Amino acid sequence: MNLSDLINFIEKNTRTVAEYSENHFTLVLWALGISLVIWVPVGLLLTKSDKWAARVLALANTIFCIPSLSMFAILVTIPMFGLGRKSALLALVLYAMMPLIRSVYDGVKNVDRNVIEAARGMGMSTKRILVEILVPLGMPVIFAGFRITVVMTTGIAAIATYIGERNLGRFIQDGLVRSNTPMMVTGAFIISVIAIGLDTILGLIEKRIVPKGLRISR
């Protein structure tokens, strides 16, 4: 395959490429949004109990180890989800559980205990210590987890094509069946662009939020 074959395929299938790209992008955004709303608060709550943290993280690790195709196959058997976007969203949210909870928990728990004791000595409440000290100082680790989740979710979303999602994964699936290299490369390339684009945006946000001295080197 050469570049002209790839360009010709995209030109001949512009409408389909646009539709699948939009579906893939919106699925990833919905999954990330729901995951952040659920798992970030859970990660913060777990910092209060190491016992519960160990249990929940063990569960998250177990879920994360389930092969994605198996996960989608299991979820479509649940009547209220079935084939399509609901099962895809649930699977992606479950996969995001481990990196998000782990990053939030580790980010907060790894803050220097001396800083916390100093804050308590100044009369700061537990809530203020969490909001004004623990979360800001833990933000580099938390953001690292966010960025890993974004890239991971964008890639796994392609597997949702096997349960009825009309996204970029369909190009890869159909391309394999038809031995159509331009079709496969188109799907893989646009998925990569979405992942890199979202990661870049998060990187820019991180630069504005996280002080330079606290950022994790990459």
Protein backbone atom coordinates (compact mmCIF):
# COMPACT_ATOMS: atom_id res chain seq x y z
CA MET A 1 0.00 0.00 0.00
CA ASN A 2 1.16 3.53 -0.78
CA LEU A 3 -0.05 6.93 0.34
CA SER A 4 -2.16 7.45 -2.79
CA ASP A 5 -4.21 4.32 -1.98
CA LEU A 6 -4.96 5.68 1.49
CA ILE A 7 -5.95 9.12 0.12
CA ASN A 8 -8.16 7.54 -2.55
CA PHE A 9 -9.96 5.42 0.03
CA ILE A 10 -10.65 8.44 2.26
CA GLU A 11 -11.85 10.53 -0.72
CA LYS A 12 -14.23 7.80 -1.87
CA ASN A 13 -15.62 7.24 1.64
CA THR A 14 -15.59 10.76 3.08
CA ARG A 15 -19.10 10.57 4.52
CA THR A 16 -18.49 7.19 6.18
CA VAL A 17 -15.12 8.31 7.54
CA ALA A 18 -16.75 11.41 9.04
CA GLU A 19 -19.62 9.40 10.56
CA TYR A 20 -17.38 6.77 12.13
CA SER A 21 -14.94 9.41 13.41
CA GLU A 22 -17.76 11.39 15.04
CA ASN A 23 -19.24 8.26 16.63
CA HIS A 24 -15.84 7.19 17.94
CA PHE A 25 -15.05 10.63 19.32
CA THR A 26 -18.40 11.08 21.07
CA LEU A 27 -18.22 7.59 22.58
CA VAL A 28 -14.78 8.35 24.03
CA LEU A 29 -15.90 11.75 25.39
CA TRP A 30 -19.01 10.29 27.04
CA ALA A 31 -17.00 7.47 28.58
CA LEU A 32 -14.35 9.84 29.90
CA GLY A 33 -16.90 12.27 31.29
CA ILE A 34 -18.86 9.56 33.12
CA SER A 35 -15.64 7.96 34.38
CA LEU A 36 -14.32 11.21 35.84
CA VAL A 37 -17.62 11.93 37.60
CA ILE A 38 -17.69 8.45 39.17
CA TRP A 39 -14.09 7.38 39.79
CA VAL A 40 -12.41 10.62 40.91
CA PRO A 41 -14.72 11.00 43.96
CA VAL A 42 -14.30 7.27 44.69
CA GLY A 43 -10.53 7.66 44.60
CA LEU A 44 -10.71 10.58 47.02
CA LEU A 45 -12.99 8.65 49.40
CA LEU A 46 -10.62 5.68 49.42
CA THR A 47 -7.81 7.85 50.76
CA LYS A 48 -9.72 7.79 54.05
CA SER A 49 -9.55 3.99 54.41
CA ASP A 50 -6.60 1.86 53.36
CA LYS A 51 -8.65 -1.27 54.02
CA TRP A 52 -11.37 -0.31 51.55
CA ALA A 53 -8.78 1.04 49.14
CA ALA A 54 -7.12 -2.37 48.96
CA ARG A 55 -10.45 -4.06 48.26
CA VAL A 56 -11.63 -1.63 45.59
CA LEU A 57 -8.25 -1.49 43.86
CA ALA A 58 -8.14 -5.30 43.78
CA LEU A 59 -11.57 -5.29 42.13
CA ALA A 60 -10.46 -2.60 39.66
CA ASN A 61 -7.33 -4.59 38.78
CA THR A 62 -9.42 -7.72 38.20
CA ILE A 63 -11.81 -5.88 35.88
CA PHE A 64 -8.90 -4.31 34.03
CA CYS A 65 -7.44 -7.78 33.32
CA ILE A 66 -10.60 -9.00 31.56
CA PRO A 67 -10.00 -9.08 27.77
CA SER A 68 -11.97 -6.30 26.13
CA LEU A 69 -13.81 -8.53 23.66
CA SER A 70 -14.91 -10.78 26.52
CA MET A 71 -16.09 -7.76 28.51
CA PHE A 72 -18.23 -6.50 25.64
CA ALA A 73 -19.63 -10.00 25.07
CA ILE A 74 -20.63 -10.30 28.74
CA LEU A 75 -22.30 -6.90 28.90
CA VAL A 76 -24.48 -7.39 25.80
CA THR A 77 -26.17 -10.32 27.58
CA ILE A 78 -27.58 -7.92 30.18
CA PRO A 79 -31.14 -7.06 28.99
CA MET A 80 -31.03 -3.38 29.92
CA PHE A 81 -27.82 -2.84 27.95
CA GLY A 82 -27.73 -5.21 24.97
CA LEU A 83 -26.01 -4.38 21.69
CA GLY A 84 -24.86 -0.83 21.06
CA ARG A 85 -23.68 2.23 22.90
CA LYS A 86 -24.94 1.46 26.41
CA SER A 87 -22.82 -1.67 26.72
CA ALA A 88 -19.87 0.09 25.10
CA LEU A 89 -20.08 2.98 27.57
CA LEU A 90 -20.36 0.66 30.57
CA ALA A 91 -17.34 -1.37 29.45
CA LEU A 92 -15.19 1.72 28.91
CA VAL A 93 -16.21 3.19 32.26
CA LEU A 94 -15.29 -0.07 34.00
CA TYR A 95 -11.89 -0.15 32.28
CA ALA A 96 -11.26 3.45 33.35
CA MET A 97 -11.85 2.48 36.98
CA MET A 98 -8.33 1.18 37.63
CA PRO A 99 -6.15 3.98 36.18
CA LEU A 100 -8.35 6.79 37.51
CA ILE A 101 -8.86 5.48 41.04
CA ARG A 102 -5.21 4.42 41.28
CA SER A 103 -3.88 7.80 40.14
CA VAL A 104 -6.18 9.79 42.44
CA TYR A 105 -5.45 7.53 45.41
CA ASP A 106 -1.68 7.46 44.85
CA GLY A 107 -1.52 11.17 44.09
CA VAL A 108 -3.18 12.13 47.36
CA LYS A 109 -1.58 9.45 49.56
CA ASN A 110 1.95 10.27 48.39
CA VAL A 111 1.80 13.86 49.59
CA ASP A 112 4.43 14.49 52.28
CA ARG A 113 2.91 13.78 55.71
CA ASN A 114 4.87 16.68 57.20
CA VAL A 115 2.94 19.09 54.99
CA ILE A 116 -0.34 17.66 56.25
CA GLU A 117 0.71 17.86 59.87
CA ALA A 118 1.78 21.47 59.38
CA ALA A 119 -1.63 22.28 57.89
CA ARG A 120 -3.39 20.66 60.84
CA GLY A 121 -1.19 22.61 63.19
CA MET A 122 -2.42 25.80 61.51
CA GLY A 123 -5.99 24.76 62.29
CA MET A 124 -7.08 23.74 58.79
CA SER A 125 -10.05 21.38 58.58
CA THR A 126 -9.86 17.99 56.88
CA LYS A 127 -11.88 19.31 53.95
CA ARG A 128 -9.61 22.31 53.47
CA ILE A 129 -6.51 20.13 53.66
CA LEU A 130 -7.95 17.89 50.94
CA VAL A 131 -9.02 20.71 48.63
CA GLU A 132 -6.18 23.16 49.20
CA ILE A 133 -3.20 20.86 49.80
CA LEU A 134 -3.67 17.17 48.98
CA VAL A 135 -5.38 17.51 45.60
CA PRO A 136 -3.14 20.32 44.26
CA LEU A 137 0.07 18.55 45.35
CA GLY A 138 -1.21 15.23 44.01
CA MET A 139 -2.29 16.74 40.68
CA PRO A 140 0.79 15.60 38.69
CA VAL A 141 0.07 11.93 39.46
CA ILE A 142 -3.66 12.46 38.97
CA PHE A 143 -3.12 14.04 35.56
CA ALA A 144 -0.82 11.19 34.55
CA GLY A 145 -3.71 8.83 35.25
CA PHE A 146 -6.10 11.02 33.27
CA ARG A 147 -3.84 10.95 30.24
CA ILE A 148 -3.34 7.19 30.39
CA THR A 149 -7.10 6.74 30.62
CA VAL A 150 -7.71 8.93 27.57
CA VAL A 151 -5.33 6.98 25.34
CA MET A 152 -6.54 3.62 26.65
CA THR A 153 -10.23 4.49 26.23
CA THR A 154 -9.72 5.72 22.67
CA GLY A 155 -8.08 2.44 21.70
CA ILE A 156 -10.49 0.08 23.46
CA ALA A 157 -13.48 1.95 22.00
CA ALA A 158 -12.59 0.44 18.63
CA ILE A 159 -13.52 -3.03 19.98
CA ALA A 160 -17.09 -1.80 20.50
CA THR A 161 -17.66 -2.27 16.78
CA TYR A 162 -18.14 -5.98 17.51
CA ILE A 163 -21.28 -5.19 19.53
CA GLY A 164 -22.90 -2.85 17.02
CA GLU A 165 -21.07 0.47 17.42
CA ARG A 166 -20.52 2.15 14.07
CA ASN A 167 -17.15 3.69 14.84
CA LEU A 168 -13.60 3.59 13.49
CA GLY A 169 -13.14 0.06 14.73
CA ARG A 170 -15.42 -1.04 11.89
CA PHE A 171 -12.82 0.02 9.35
CA ILE A 172 -10.29 -2.22 11.08
CA GLN A 173 -12.74 -5.11 11.41
CA ASP A 174 -13.98 -4.94 7.81
CA GLY A 175 -10.47 -4.28 6.53
CA LEU A 176 -9.24 -7.49 8.12
CA VAL A 177 -12.12 -9.49 6.64
CA ARG A 178 -11.61 -8.02 3.16
CA SER A 179 -7.80 -7.83 3.35
CA ASN A 180 -8.23 -4.12 2.59
CA THR A 181 -5.11 -2.41 3.91
CA PRO A 182 -6.16 1.22 3.19
CA MET A 183 -9.37 0.63 5.15
CA MET A 184 -7.49 -0.77 8.16
CA VAL A 185 -4.88 1.98 8.10
CA THR A 186 -7.56 4.68 7.88
CA GLY A 187 -9.27 3.41 11.03
CA ALA A 188 -6.03 2.97 12.96
CA PHE A 189 -4.66 6.34 11.84
CA ILE A 190 -7.72 8.38 12.84
CA ILE A 191 -7.94 6.57 16.19
CA SER A 192 -4.30 7.55 16.79
CA VAL A 193 -5.04 11.16 15.84
CA ILE A 194 -7.95 11.31 18.31
CA ALA A 195 -5.83 9.80 21.11
CA ILE A 196 -2.89 12.12 20.46
CA GLY A 197 -5.16 15.14 20.12
CA LEU A 198 -6.96 14.52 23.42
CA ASP A 199 -3.67 13.78 25.19
CA THR A 200 -2.20 17.03 23.83
CA ILE A 201 -5.18 19.01 25.08
CA LEU A 202 -4.81 17.46 28.53
CA GLY A 203 -1.11 18.29 28.43
CA LEU A 204 -1.90 21.95 27.77
CA ILE A 205 -4.44 21.98 30.61
CA GLU A 206 -1.87 20.35 32.89
CA LYS A 207 0.65 23.09 32.12
CA ARG A 208 -1.88 25.72 33.21
CA ILE A 209 -2.98 23.91 36.36
CA VAL A 210 0.15 22.14 37.63
CA PRO A 211 3.17 24.28 38.61
CA LYS A 212 6.28 23.49 36.55
CA GLY A 213 8.21 22.22 39.57
CA LEU A 214 5.54 19.57 40.31
CA ARG A 215 5.10 18.16 36.81
CA ILE A 216 6.10 14.57 36.09
CA SER A 217 8.85 14.36 33.47
CA ARG A 218 7.94 12.45 30.30
